Amino acid sequence: MFVDKSRIEGMSLLKVEGIIKLGESAEFLAENLKRTLEKDEGHVMMDFSKINYIDSTGIGELVGYLGRFADLDRKLILINPSERIRKLLAIAQLNHLFPTYPDVQSAVAAES
């Protein structure tokens, strides 16, 4: 798993690549979210366009950090999740919790 972080319009953008599942990749994602929560300000956008797979552990990490960001009046925004990930979130009735956009420009325009 690979995460590249940048800043756009006062928000953090995490470009995530690979697979998020139980073990090292979920821990790596959690560590990146924790570091972003502690060191940066503003909303966090996660570009999911290069995520091939996410399991329930990865979804659990996202939901856990969603609450932590919300406690600080910040959002965890998903960018371009695959159809499979969107369906998984819908089945788990979590799709309404995450603002989701097709691309970074749309998210920036809506959330800035």
PDB file of N, CA and C in Angstrom:
ATOM      1  N   MET A   1       0.841  -1.172   0.000  1.00  0.00           N
ATOM      2  CA  MET A   1       0.000   0.000   0.000  1.00  0.00           C
ATOM      3  C   MET A   1       0.888   1.237   0.000  1.00  0.00           C
ATOM      4  N   PHE A   2       0.412   2.281  -0.678  1.00  0.00           N
ATOM      5  CA  PHE A   2       1.170   3.514  -0.835  1.00  0.00           C
ATOM      6  C   PHE A   2       0.235   4.693  -0.576  1.00  0.00           C
ATOM      7  N   VAL A   3       0.710   5.715   0.154  1.00  0.00           N
ATOM      8  CA  VAL A   3      -0.062   6.931   0.405  1.00  0.00           C
ATOM      9  C   VAL A   3       0.822   8.131   0.100  1.00  0.00           C
ATOM     10  N   ASP A   4       0.309   9.030  -0.748  1.00  0.00           N
ATOM     11  CA  ASP A   4       0.989  10.279  -1.080  1.00  0.00           C
ATOM     12  C   ASP A   4       0.115  11.416  -0.569  1.00  0.00           C
ATOM     13  N   LYS A   5       0.675  12.294   0.263  1.00  0.00           N
ATOM     14  CA  LYS A   5      -0.106  13.373   0.867  1.00  0.00           C
ATOM     15  C   LYS A   5       0.287  14.717   0.291  1.00  0.00           C
ATOM     16  N   SER A   6      -0.725  15.546   0.027  1.00  0.00           N
ATOM     17  CA  SER A   6      -0.493  16.919  -0.421  1.00  0.00           C
ATOM     18  C   SER A   6      -1.586  17.803   0.178  1.00  0.00           C
ATOM     19  N   ARG A   7      -1.458  19.112  -0.049  1.00  0.00           N
ATOM     20  CA  ARG A   7      -2.442  20.079   0.449  1.00  0.00           C
ATOM     21  C   ARG A   7      -3.045  20.813  -0.740  1.00  0.00           C
ATOM     22  N   ILE A   8      -4.378  20.966  -0.713  1.00  0.00           N
ATOM     23  CA  ILE A   8      -5.101  21.689  -1.758  1.00  0.00           C
ATOM     24  C   ILE A   8      -6.191  22.520  -1.098  1.00  0.00           C
ATOM     25  N   GLU A   9      -6.150  23.823  -1.322  1.00  0.00           N
ATOM     26  CA  GLU A   9      -7.213  24.721  -0.837  1.00  0.00           C
ATOM     27  C   GLU A   9      -7.517  24.518   0.649  1.00  0.00           C
ATOM     28  N   GLY A  10      -6.487  24.373   1.479  1.00  0.00           N
ATOM     29  CA  GLY A  10      -6.685  24.231   2.922  1.00  0.00           C
ATOM     30  C   GLY A  10      -7.126  22.844   3.375  1.00  0.00           C
ATOM     31  N   MET A  11      -7.125  21.891   2.455  1.00  0.00           N
ATOM     32  CA  MET A  11      -7.494  20.517   2.796  1.00  0.00           C
ATOM     33  C   MET A  11      -6.319  19.592   2.480  1.00  0.00           C
ATOM     34  N   SER A  12      -6.298  18.456   3.171  1.00  0.00           N
ATOM     35  CA  SER A  12      -5.292  17.427   2.873  1.00  0.00           C
ATOM     36  C   SER A  12      -5.854  16.479   1.828  1.00  0.00           C
ATOM     37  N   LEU A  13      -4.998  16.040   0.929  1.00  0.00           N
ATOM     38  CA  LEU A  13      -5.362  15.040  -0.062  1.00  0.00           C
ATOM     39  C   LEU A  13      -4.437  13.842   0.127  1.00  0.00           C
ATOM     40  N   LEU A  14      -5.037  12.694   0.427  1.00  0.00           N
ATOM     41  CA  LEU A  14      -4.288  11.451   0.543  1.00  0.00           C
ATOM     42  C   LEU A  14      -4.602  10.604  -0.681  1.00  0.00           C
ATOM     43  N   LYS A  15      -3.600  10.426  -1.531  1.00  0.00           N
ATOM     44  CA  LYS A  15      -3.753   9.537  -2.693  1.00  0.00           C
ATOM     45  C   LYS A  15      -3.327   8.154  -2.231  1.00  0.00           C
ATOM     46  N   VAL A  16      -4.291   7.259  -2.172  1.00  0.00           N
ATOM     47  CA  VAL A  16      -4.075   5.927  -1.629  1.00  0.00           C
ATOM     48  C   VAL A  16      -4.041   4.930  -2.780  1.00  0.00           C
ATOM     49  N   GLU A  17      -3.069   4.017  -2.724  1.00  0.00           N
ATOM     50  CA  GLU A  17      -2.904   3.040  -3.796  1.00  0.00           C
ATOM     51  C   GLU A  17      -2.716   1.650  -3.208  1.00  0.00           C
ATOM     52  N   GLY A  18      -3.391   0.666  -3.789  1.00  0.00           N
ATOM     53  CA  GLY A  18      -3.184  -0.718  -3.377  1.00  0.00           C
ATOM     54  C   GLY A  18      -4.407  -1.369  -2.777  1.00  0.00           C
ATOM     55  N   ILE A  19      -4.174  -2.185  -1.757  1.00  0.00           N
ATOM     56  CA  ILE A  19      -5.204  -2.973  -1.089  1.00  0.00           C
ATOM     57  C   ILE A  19      -5.232  -2.581   0.376  1.00  0.00           C
ATOM     58  N   ILE A  20      -6.449  -2.433   0.930  1.00  0.00           N
ATOM     59  CA  ILE A  20      -6.598  -2.131   2.352  1.00  0.00           C
ATOM     60  C   ILE A  20      -7.300  -3.324   2.988  1.00  0.00           C
ATOM     61  N   LYS A  21      -6.553  -4.063   3.818  1.00  0.00           N
ATOM     62  CA  LYS A  21      -7.134  -5.241   4.458  1.00  0.00           C
ATOM     63  C   LYS A  21      -6.484  -5.455   5.816  1.00  0.00           C
ATOM     64  N   LEU A  22      -7.041  -6.411   6.550  1.00  0.00           N
ATOM     65  CA  LEU A  22      -6.539  -6.758   7.870  1.00  0.00           C
ATOM     66  C   LEU A  22      -5.022  -6.915   7.829  1.00  0.00           C
ATOM     67  N   GLY A  23      -4.363  -6.299   8.780  1.00  0.00           N
ATOM     68  CA  GLY A  23      -2.911  -6.425   8.868  1.00  0.00           C
ATOM     69  C   GLY A  23      -2.207  -5.121   8.586  1.00  0.00           C
ATOM     70  N   GLU A  24      -1.070  -5.248   7.939  1.00  0.00           N
ATOM     71  CA  GLU A  24      -0.165  -4.118   7.742  1.00  0.00           C
ATOM     72  C   GLU A  24      -0.789  -2.970   6.952  1.00  0.00           C
ATOM     73  N   SER A  25      -1.556  -3.253   5.911  1.00  0.00           N
ATOM     74  CA  SER A  25      -2.095  -2.172   5.086  1.00  0.00           C
ATOM     75  C   SER A  25      -3.141  -1.357   5.845  1.00  0.00           C
ATOM     76  N   ALA A  26      -3.990  -2.002   6.638  1.00  0.00           N
ATOM     77  CA  ALA A  26      -4.983  -1.264   7.435  1.00  0.00           C
ATOM     78  C   ALA A  26      -4.283  -0.432   8.509  1.00  0.00           C
ATOM     79  N   GLU A  27      -3.238  -0.980   9.105  1.00  0.00           N
ATOM     80  CA  GLU A  27      -2.468  -0.237  10.103  1.00  0.00           C
ATOM     81  C   GLU A  27      -1.767   0.965   9.467  1.00  0.00           C
ATOM     82  N   PHE A  28      -1.244   0.780   8.269  1.00  0.00           N
ATOM     83  CA  PHE A  28      -0.574   1.863   7.553  1.00  0.00           C
ATOM     84  C   PHE A  28      -1.567   2.983   7.237  1.00  0.00           C
ATOM     85  N   LEU A  29      -2.765   2.613   6.799  1.00  0.00           N
ATOM     86  CA  LEU A  29      -3.814   3.601   6.539  1.00  0.00           C
ATOM     87  C   LEU A  29      -4.161   4.344   7.822  1.00  0.00           C
ATOM     88  N   ALA A  30      -4.360   3.611   8.912  1.00  0.00           N
ATOM     89  CA  ALA A  30      -4.711   4.229  10.190  1.00  0.00           C
ATOM     90  C   ALA A  30      -3.624   5.199  10.647  1.00  0.00           C
ATOM     91  N   GLU A  31      -2.374   4.826  10.482  1.00  0.00           N
ATOM     92  CA  GLU A  31      -1.265   5.701  10.886  1.00  0.00           C
ATOM     93  C   GLU A  31      -1.252   6.991  10.059  1.00  0.00           C
ATOM     94  N   ASN A  32      -1.512   6.886   8.771  1.00  0.00           N
ATOM     95  CA  ASN A  32      -1.563   8.078   7.920  1.00  0.00           C
ATOM     96  C   ASN A  32      -2.741   8.975   8.296  1.00  0.00           C
ATOM     97  N   LEU A  33      -3.878   8.387   8.585  1.00  0.00           N
ATOM     98  CA  LEU A  33      -5.036   9.190   9.007  1.00  0.00           C
ATOM     99  C   LEU A  33      -4.775   9.853  10.356  1.00  0.00           C
ATOM    100  N   LYS A  34      -4.167   9.122  11.279  1.00  0.00           N
ATOM    101  CA  LYS A  34      -3.844   9.679  12.598  1.00  0.00           C
ATOM    102  C   LYS A  34      -2.893  10.862  12.463  1.00  0.00           C
ATOM    103  N   ARG A  35      -1.844  10.688  11.676  1.00  0.00           N
ATOM    104  CA  ARG A  35      -0.849  11.751  11.478  1.00  0.00           C
ATOM    105  C   ARG A  35      -1.504  12.980  10.834  1.00  0.00           C
ATOM    106  N   THR A  36      -2.371  12.754   9.866  1.00  0.00           N
ATOM    107  CA  THR A  36      -3.059  13.855   9.196  1.00  0.00           C
ATOM    108  C   THR A  36      -4.004  14.564  10.163  1.00  0.00           C
ATOM    109  N   LEU A  37      -4.687  13.801  10.971  1.00  0.00           N
ATOM    110  CA  LEU A  37      -5.598  14.371  11.969  1.00  0.00           C
ATOM    111  C   LEU A  37      -4.848  15.253  12.959  1.00  0.00           C
ATOM    112  N   GLU A  38      -3.694  14.790  13.397  1.00  0.00           N
ATOM    113  CA  GLU A  38      -2.919  15.501  14.418  1.00  0.00           C
ATOM    114  C   GLU A  38      -2.132  16.684  13.874  1.00  0.00           C
ATOM    115  N   LYS A  39      -1.618  16.600  12.657  1.00  0.00           N
ATOM    116  CA  LYS A  39      -0.678  17.606  12.170  1.00  0.00           C
ATOM    117  C   LYS A  39      -1.264  18.608  11.183  1.00  0.00           C
ATOM    118  N   ASP A  40      -2.355  18.258  10.533  1.00  0.00           N
ATOM    119  CA  ASP A  40      -2.925  19.135   9.511  1.00  0.00           C
ATOM    120  C   ASP A  40      -4.255  19.700   9.976  1.00  0.00           C
ATOM    121  N   GLU A  41      -4.716  20.695   9.263  1.00  0.00           N
ATOM    122  CA  GLU A  41      -6.020  21.293   9.534  1.00  0.00           C
ATOM    123  C   GLU A  41      -6.910  21.097   8.325  1.00  0.00           C
ATOM    124  N   GLY A  42      -8.200  21.305   8.517  1.00  0.00           N
ATOM    125  CA  GLY A  42      -9.141  21.224   7.416  1.00  0.00           C
ATOM    126  C   GLY A  42      -9.605  19.804   7.146  1.00  0.00           C
ATOM    127  N   HIS A  43     -10.457  19.702   6.145  1.00  0.00           N
ATOM    128  CA  HIS A  43     -11.002  18.410   5.747  1.00  0.00           C
ATOM    129  C   HIS A  43      -9.909  17.550   5.112  1.00  0.00           C
ATOM    130  N   VAL A  44     -10.175  16.244   5.047  1.00  0.00           N
ATOM    131  CA  VAL A  44      -9.240  15.307   4.430  1.00  0.00           C
ATOM    132  C   VAL A  44      -9.949  14.595   3.290  1.00  0.00           C
ATOM    133  N   MET A  45      -9.354  14.679   2.116  1.00  0.00           N
ATOM    134  CA  MET A  45      -9.861  13.974   0.944  1.00  0.00           C
ATOM    135  C   MET A  45      -8.992  12.740   0.736  1.00  0.00           C
ATOM    136  N   MET A  46      -9.645  11.606   0.502  1.00  0.00           N
ATOM    137  CA  MET A  46      -8.921  10.371   0.208  1.00  0.00           C
ATOM    138  C   MET A  46      -9.251   9.947  -1.212  1.00  0.00           C
ATOM    139  N   ASP A  47      -8.244   9.984  -2.069  1.00  0.00           N
ATOM    140  CA  ASP A  47      -8.417   9.575  -3.458  1.00  0.00           C
ATOM    141  C   ASP A  47      -8.339   8.051  -3.518  1.00  0.00           C
ATOM    142  N   PHE A  48      -9.491   7.424  -3.782  1.00  0.00           N
ATOM    143  CA  PHE A  48      -9.602   5.970  -3.804  1.00  0.00           C
ATOM    144  C   PHE A  48      -9.536   5.404  -5.215  1.00  0.00           C
ATOM    145  N   SER A  49      -9.186   6.211  -6.199  1.00  0.00           N
ATOM    146  CA  SER A  49      -9.222   5.748  -7.588  1.00  0.00           C
ATOM    147  C   SER A  49      -8.269   4.585  -7.866  1.00  0.00           C
ATOM    148  N   LYS A  50      -7.242   4.403  -7.025  1.00  0.00           N
ATOM    149  CA  LYS A  50      -6.282   3.316  -7.238  1.00  0.00           C
ATOM    150  C   LYS A  50      -6.329   2.262  -6.130  1.00  0.00           C
ATOM    151  N   ILE A  51      -7.474   2.198  -5.432  1.00  0.00           N
ATOM    152  CA  ILE A  51      -7.679   1.147  -4.436  1.00  0.00           C
ATOM    153  C   ILE A  51      -8.381  -0.014  -5.117  1.00  0.00           C
ATOM    154  N   ASN A  52      -7.749  -1.161  -5.097  1.00  0.00           N
ATOM    155  CA  ASN A  52      -8.294  -2.344  -5.746  1.00  0.00           C
ATOM    156  C   ASN A  52      -9.260  -3.108  -4.855  1.00  0.00           C
ATOM    157  N   TYR A  53      -9.035  -3.026  -3.529  1.00  0.00           N
ATOM    158  CA  TYR A  53      -9.785  -3.859  -2.609  1.00  0.00           C
ATOM    159  C   TYR A  53      -9.739  -3.242  -1.224  1.00  0.00           C
ATOM    160  N   ILE A  54     -10.852  -3.333  -0.498  1.00  0.00           N
ATOM    161  CA  ILE A  54     -10.891  -2.939   0.908  1.00  0.00           C
ATOM    162  C   ILE A  54     -11.761  -3.954   1.633  1.00  0.00           C
ATOM    163  N   ASP A  55     -11.300  -4.429   2.792  1.00  0.00           N
ATOM    164  CA  ASP A  55     -12.092  -5.389   3.554  1.00  0.00           C
ATOM    165  C   ASP A  55     -12.755  -4.689   4.734  1.00  0.00           C
ATOM    166  N   SER A  56     -13.421  -5.474   5.571  1.00  0.00           N
ATOM    167  CA  SER A  56     -14.160  -4.890   6.696  1.00  0.00           C
ATOM    168  C   SER A  56     -13.242  -4.181   7.684  1.00  0.00           C
ATOM    169  N   THR A  57     -12.007  -4.632   7.807  1.00  0.00           N
ATOM    170  CA  THR A  57     -11.051  -3.946   8.692  1.00  0.00           C
ATOM    171  C   THR A  57     -10.744  -2.551   8.158  1.00  0.00           C
ATOM    172  N   GLY A  58     -10.528  -2.444   6.864  1.00  0.00           N
ATOM    173  CA  GLY A  58     -10.285  -1.140   6.247  1.00  0.00           C
ATOM    174  C   GLY A  58     -11.483  -0.223   6.388  1.00  0.00           C
ATOM    175  N   ILE A  59     -12.683  -0.762   6.162  1.00  0.00           N
ATOM    176  CA  ILE A  59     -13.913   0.027   6.345  1.00  0.00           C
ATOM    177  C   ILE A  59     -14.014   0.474   7.799  1.00  0.00           C
ATOM    178  N   GLY A  60     -13.684  -0.419   8.723  1.00  0.00           N
ATOM    179  CA  GLY A  60     -13.724  -0.075  10.152  1.00  0.00           C
ATOM    180  C   GLY A  60     -12.787   1.072  10.494  1.00  0.00           C
ATOM    181  N   GLU A  61     -11.594   1.062   9.899  1.00  0.00           N
ATOM    182  CA  GLU A  61     -10.650   2.166  10.129  1.00  0.00           C
ATOM    183  C   GLU A  61     -11.232   3.484   9.611  1.00  0.00           C
ATOM    184  N   LEU A  62     -11.820   3.452   8.440  1.00  0.00           N
ATOM    185  CA  LEU A  62     -12.430   4.664   7.880  1.00  0.00           C
ATOM    186  C   LEU A  62     -13.535   5.193   8.785  1.00  0.00           C
ATOM    187  N   VAL A  63     -14.406   4.308   9.239  1.00  0.00           N
ATOM    188  CA  VAL A  63     -15.522   4.721  10.100  1.00  0.00           C
ATOM    189  C   VAL A  63     -14.996   5.274  11.420  1.00  0.00           C
ATOM    190  N   GLY A  64     -13.989   4.625  11.981  1.00  0.00           N
ATOM    191  CA  GLY A  64     -13.406   5.104  13.234  1.00  0.00           C
ATOM    192  C   GLY A  64     -12.829   6.500  13.103  1.00  0.00           C
ATOM    193  N   TYR A  65     -12.109   6.739  12.021  1.00  0.00           N
ATOM    194  CA  TYR A  65     -11.528   8.062  11.820  1.00  0.00           C
ATOM    195  C   TYR A  65     -12.570   9.081  11.389  1.00  0.00           C
ATOM    196  N   LEU A  66     -13.627   8.640  10.749  1.00  0.00           N
ATOM    197  CA  LEU A  66     -14.725   9.542  10.412  1.00  0.00           C
ATOM    198  C   LEU A  66     -15.240  10.218  11.675  1.00  0.00           C
ATOM    199  N   GLY A  67     -15.424   9.447  12.733  1.00  0.00           N
ATOM    200  CA  GLY A  67     -15.878   9.999  14.010  1.00  0.00           C
ATOM    201  C   GLY A  67     -14.870  10.953  14.626  1.00  0.00           C
ATOM    202  N   ARG A  68     -13.595  10.606  14.554  1.00  0.00           N
ATOM    203  CA  ARG A  68     -12.560  11.486  15.120  1.00  0.00           C
ATOM    204  C   ARG A  68     -12.495  12.819  14.381  1.00  0.00           C
ATOM    205  N   PHE A  69     -12.616  12.759  13.062  1.00  0.00           N
ATOM    206  CA  PHE A  69     -12.615  14.000  12.284  1.00  0.00           C
ATOM    207  C   PHE A  69     -13.874  14.815  12.601  1.00  0.00           C
ATOM    208  N   ALA A  70     -15.016  14.156  12.691  1.00  0.00           N
ATOM    209  CA  ALA A  70     -16.277  14.851  12.971  1.00  0.00           C
ATOM    210  C   ALA A  70     -16.227  15.547  14.330  1.00  0.00           C
ATOM    211  N   ASP A  71     -15.567  14.930  15.311  1.00  0.00           N
ATOM    212  CA  ASP A  71     -15.433  15.558  16.627  1.00  0.00           C
ATOM    213  C   ASP A  71     -14.712  16.892  16.544  1.00  0.00           C
ATOM    214  N   LEU A  72     -13.888  17.073  15.519  1.00  0.00           N
ATOM    215  CA  LEU A  72     -13.143  18.316  15.315  1.00  0.00           C
ATOM    216  C   LEU A  72     -13.763  19.175  14.220  1.00  0.00           C
ATOM    217  N   ASP A  73     -15.004  18.859  13.855  1.00  0.00           N
ATOM    218  CA  ASP A  73     -15.748  19.579  12.815  1.00  0.00           C
ATOM    219  C   ASP A  73     -15.013  19.540  11.474  1.00  0.00           C
ATOM    220  N   ARG A  74     -14.443  18.371  11.185  1.00  0.00           N
ATOM    221  CA  ARG A  74     -13.743  18.144   9.928  1.00  0.00           C
ATOM    222  C   ARG A  74     -14.394  16.966   9.217  1.00  0.00           C
ATOM    223  N   LYS A  75     -14.206  16.876   7.918  1.00  0.00           N
ATOM    224  CA  LYS A  75     -14.807  15.801   7.131  1.00  0.00           C
ATOM    225  C   LYS A  75     -13.739  14.875   6.567  1.00  0.00           C
ATOM    226  N   LEU A  76     -14.125  13.621   6.405  1.00  0.00           N
ATOM    227  CA  LEU A  76     -13.325  12.636   5.703  1.00  0.00           C
ATOM    228  C   LEU A  76     -14.062  12.358   4.397  1.00  0.00           C
ATOM    229  N   ILE A  77     -13.487  12.833   3.298  1.00  0.00           N
ATOM    230  CA  ILE A  77     -14.150  12.848   1.992  1.00  0.00           C
ATOM    231  C   ILE A  77     -13.518  11.784   1.089  1.00  0.00           C
ATOM    232  N   LEU A  78     -14.363  10.988   0.430  1.00  0.00           N
ATOM    233  CA  LEU A  78     -13.872   9.959  -0.485  1.00  0.00           C
ATOM    234  C   LEU A  78     -13.937  10.471  -1.917  1.00  0.00           C
ATOM    235  N   ILE A  79     -12.844  10.288  -2.642  1.00  0.00           N
ATOM    236  CA  ILE A  79     -12.747  10.700  -4.037  1.00  0.00           C
ATOM    237  C   ILE A  79     -12.682   9.453  -4.921  1.00  0.00           C
ATOM    238  N   ASN A  80     -13.615   9.357  -5.842  1.00  0.00           N
ATOM    239  CA  ASN A  80     -13.629   8.332  -6.880  1.00  0.00           C
ATOM    240  C   ASN A  80     -13.460   6.892  -6.373  1.00  0.00           C
ATOM    241  N   PRO A  81     -14.256   6.481  -5.361  1.00  0.00           N
ATOM    242  CA  PRO A  81     -14.179   5.068  -4.977  1.00  0.00           C
ATOM    243  C   PRO A  81     -14.763   4.200  -6.091  1.00  0.00           C
ATOM    244  N   SER A  82     -14.266   2.994  -6.219  1.00  0.00           N
ATOM    245  CA  SER A  82     -14.761   2.078  -7.256  1.00  0.00           C
ATOM    246  C   SER A  82     -16.229   1.728  -6.995  1.00  0.00           C
ATOM    247  N   GLU A  83     -16.859   1.207  -8.014  1.00  0.00           N
ATOM    248  CA  GLU A  83     -18.250   0.766  -7.882  1.00  0.00           C
ATOM    249  C   GLU A  83     -18.369  -0.283  -6.779  1.00  0.00           C
ATOM    250  N   ARG A  84     -17.403  -1.167  -6.689  1.00  0.00           N
ATOM    251  CA  ARG A  84     -17.420  -2.202  -5.655  1.00  0.00           C
ATOM    252  C   ARG A  84     -17.377  -1.591  -4.251  1.00  0.00           C
ATOM    253  N   ILE A  85     -16.526  -0.597  -4.038  1.00  0.00           N
ATOM    254  CA  ILE A  85     -16.429   0.050  -2.726  1.00  0.00           C
ATOM    255  C   ILE A  85     -17.710   0.821  -2.423  1.00  0.00           C
ATOM    256  N   ARG A  86     -18.274   1.502  -3.426  1.00  0.00           N
ATOM    257  CA  ARG A  86     -19.545   2.218  -3.212  1.00  0.00           C
ATOM    258  C   ARG A  86     -20.652   1.248  -2.816  1.00  0.00           C
ATOM    259  N   LYS A  87     -20.699   0.097  -3.479  1.00  0.00           N
ATOM    260  CA  LYS A  87     -21.710  -0.917  -3.140  1.00  0.00           C
ATOM    261  C   LYS A  87     -21.486  -1.463  -1.735  1.00  0.00           C
ATOM    262  N   LEU A  88     -20.239  -1.704  -1.375  1.00  0.00           N
ATOM    263  CA  LEU A  88     -19.917  -2.195  -0.039  1.00  0.00           C
ATOM    264  C   LEU A  88     -20.372  -1.197   1.029  1.00  0.00           C
ATOM    265  N   LEU A  89     -20.102   0.077   0.813  1.00  0.00           N
ATOM    266  CA  LEU A  89     -20.548   1.107   1.754  1.00  0.00           C
ATOM    267  C   LEU A  89     -22.070   1.171   1.821  1.00  0.00           C
ATOM    268  N   ALA A  90     -22.734   1.013   0.688  1.00  0.00           N
ATOM    269  CA  ALA A  90     -24.199   1.041   0.664  1.00  0.00           C
ATOM    270  C   ALA A  90     -24.783  -0.157   1.411  1.00  0.00           C
ATOM    271  N   ILE A  91     -24.229  -1.340   1.189  1.00  0.00           N
ATOM    272  CA  ILE A  91     -24.716  -2.542   1.878  1.00  0.00           C
ATOM    273  C   ILE A  91     -24.568  -2.394   3.391  1.00  0.00           C
ATOM    274  N   ALA A  92     -23.457  -1.805   3.813  1.00  0.00           N
ATOM    275  CA  ALA A  92     -23.211  -1.591   5.241  1.00  0.00           C
ATOM    276  C   ALA A  92     -23.937  -0.348   5.769  1.00  0.00           C
ATOM    277  N   GLN A  93     -24.697   0.303   4.905  1.00  0.00           N
ATOM    278  CA  GLN A  93     -25.448   1.523   5.223  1.00  0.00           C
ATOM    279  C   GLN A  93     -24.527   2.629   5.761  1.00  0.00           C
ATOM    280  N   LEU A  94     -23.363   2.751   5.139  1.00  0.00           N
ATOM    281  CA  LEU A  94     -22.385   3.772   5.513  1.00  0.00           C
ATOM    282  C   LEU A  94     -22.204   4.825   4.432  1.00  0.00           C
ATOM    283  N   ASN A  95     -22.799   4.599   3.265  1.00  0.00           N
ATOM    284  CA  ASN A  95     -22.572   5.503   2.137  1.00  0.00           C
ATOM    285  C   ASN A  95     -23.026   6.929   2.424  1.00  0.00           C
ATOM    286  N   HIS A  96     -24.028   7.110   3.239  1.00  0.00           N
ATOM    287  CA  HIS A  96     -24.506   8.464   3.540  1.00  0.00           C
ATOM    288  C   HIS A  96     -23.607   9.198   4.541  1.00  0.00           C
ATOM    289  N   LEU A  97     -22.680   8.491   5.180  1.00  0.00           N
ATOM    290  CA  LEU A  97     -21.796   9.118   6.167  1.00  0.00           C
ATOM    291  C   LEU A  97     -20.593   9.814   5.539  1.00  0.00           C
ATOM    292  N   PHE A  98     -20.189   9.335   4.376  1.00  0.00           N
ATOM    293  CA  PHE A  98     -18.997   9.861   3.725  1.00  0.00           C
ATOM    294  C   PHE A  98     -19.374  10.745   2.542  1.00  0.00           C
ATOM    295  N   PRO A  99     -18.983  12.026   2.553  1.00  0.00           N
ATOM    296  CA  PRO A  99     -19.145  12.811   1.333  1.00  0.00           C
ATOM    297  C   PRO A  99     -18.286  12.152   0.245  1.00  0.00           C
ATOM    298  N   THR A 100     -18.851  11.944  -0.928  1.00  0.00           N
ATOM    299  CA  THR A 100     -18.152  11.254  -2.009  1.00  0.00           C
ATOM    300  C   THR A 100     -18.269  12.058  -3.297  1.00  0.00           C
ATOM    301  N   TYR A 101     -17.148  12.208  -3.983  1.00  0.00           N
ATOM    302  CA  TYR A 101     -17.097  13.000  -5.216  1.00  0.00           C
ATOM    303  C   TYR A 101     -16.349  12.226  -6.288  1.00  0.00           C
ATOM    304  N   PRO A 102     -16.636  12.510  -7.560  1.00  0.00           N
ATOM    305  CA  PRO A 102     -15.968  11.794  -8.649  1.00  0.00           C
ATOM    306  C   PRO A 102     -14.512  12.209  -8.851  1.00  0.00           C
ATOM    307  N   ASP A 103     -14.156  13.441  -8.421  1.00  0.00           N
ATOM    308  CA  ASP A 103     -12.783  13.907  -8.607  1.00  0.00           C
ATOM    309  C   ASP A 103     -12.456  14.979  -7.579  1.00  0.00           C
ATOM    310  N   VAL A 104     -11.180  15.292  -7.476  1.00  0.00           N
ATOM    311  CA  VAL A 104     -10.694  16.262  -6.487  1.00  0.00           C
ATOM    312  C   VAL A 104     -11.306  17.645  -6.729  1.00  0.00           C
ATOM    313  N   GLN A 105     -11.387  18.055  -7.991  1.00  0.00           N
ATOM    314  CA  GLN A 105     -11.916  19.383  -8.308  1.00  0.00           C
ATOM    315  C   GLN A 105     -13.353  19.539  -7.805  1.00  0.00           C
ATOM    316  N   SER A 106     -14.181  18.524  -7.974  1.00  0.00           N
ATOM    317  CA  SER A 106     -15.564  18.571  -7.497  1.00  0.00           C
ATOM    318  C   SER A 106     -15.608  18.680  -5.977  1.00  0.00           C
ATOM    319  N   ALA A 107     -14.762  17.921  -5.301  1.00  0.00           N
ATOM    320  CA  ALA A 107     -14.730  17.956  -3.835  1.00  0.00           C
ATOM    321  C   ALA A 107     -14.291  19.324  -3.340  1.00  0.00           C
ATOM    322  N   VAL A 108     -13.248  19.873  -3.933  1.00  0.00           N
ATOM    323  CA  VAL A 108     -12.746  21.192  -3.531  1.00  0.00           C
ATOM    324  C   VAL A 108     -13.813  22.249  -3.740  1.00  0.00           C
ATOM    325  N   ALA A 109     -14.482  22.210  -4.884  1.00  0.00           N
ATOM    326  CA  ALA A 109     -15.524  23.186  -5.187  1.00  0.00           C
ATOM    327  C   ALA A 109     -16.672  23.100  -4.194  1.00  0.00           C
ATOM    328  N   ALA A 110     -17.055  21.894  -3.813  1.00  0.00           N
ATOM    329  CA  ALA A 110     -18.206  21.704  -2.920  1.00  0.00           C
ATOM    330  C   ALA A 110     -17.864  21.929  -1.455  1.00  0.00           C
ATOM    331  N   GLU A 111     -16.661  21.613  -1.039  1.00  0.00           N
ATOM    332  CA  GLU A 111     -16.314  21.599   0.389  1.00  0.00           C
ATOM    333  C   GLU A 111     -15.476  22.789   0.862  1.00  0.00           C
ATOM    334  N   SER A 112     -14.995  23.624  -0.047  1.00  0.00           N
ATOM    335  CA  SER A 112     -14.168  24.776   0.352  1.00  0.00           C
ATOM    336  C   SER A 112     -15.000  25.868   0.942  1.00  0.00           C
TER     337      SER A 112
END
